[in-house]
Amino acid sequence: MPNNRLSDKVFLERLKANPGLRARMESLLLAVDDEKGDLREADAAEMRIIDEMRQMGREALTVWAEGQVTQRTEELTQARGIWREGKKNCDGIAPLEK
């Protein structure tokens, strides 16, 4: 495990900021603790935990991608010479004559 661990307070704040990841983490913990009592065999537990981890990975990548879009949008908005709105001044390329 990495040596740079988050404090409990910071970890909980980040989970609260990402409700989808929090739900996935809760679901994984419930599977590990077998709260429903339906994971009596190792194969069933393995499949459930693998499924939970896959879903958590998808959720994490979605959150990451949304953050990247927001960050890049802010960077481009602050860059000089870039306009997001407005009419273009160019009429385009004239069609070739036949």
Foldseek 3Di string as FASTA:
>chain_A
DDPDDDDPVVVVVVCVVQVQLVVLVVQLVCLVVVVVVPCPDPVVSVVSNVVSVVSSVVSVVVVVVVVVVVVVVVVQVPDPPDDDDDDDPDPDDDDDDD
